[in-house]
């Protein structure tokens, strides 16, 4: 899935842990980080049912969708950063590690395969192959953005209902 899905999951998980699990702060932070990182794997295991092409596409639709996704994700970060930055950061840790650290470093060195064994996303692939192998593959179907929009809306509604 994409940035807004993970940001919303991080916000929701941090909220639930802080409100409904009365533990010392350090233990709540450990739970938030753990649950948010685990949520990333399960959310990414569902990525095949949303519009999520494996490579950059040409055309207005792909560009427009990604502008919306990043703008919405950025807006959520700006609005909720002060209260939920730990959950948002932890929920996006897997992407930060794999995409922004390991892959960028490998691309800038003479060893493009460097770090591949440290990628975390294969965990989501394993979860998908074991638990969700029957899900349809809509990664190249533009209509699948409706499902992702529904997921964004669902996370927002759940969060608002728990306030």
Foldseek 3Di string as FASTA:
>chain_A
DDLLLLQLQLQQLLVCLVPPPPDPPVVSLVSSLVVLLVVLLQVVLPLQLAQADPDDDDDDLSVVVVVVRVVVSVVSCVVCVVPRVSSSCSNCVLCCCAPVPQQVVLVPDPHNCPPVVVRDNVSSVVCNVPPPVVDHGCNNPSVRVVVVVVSSVVSVVVVVVVD
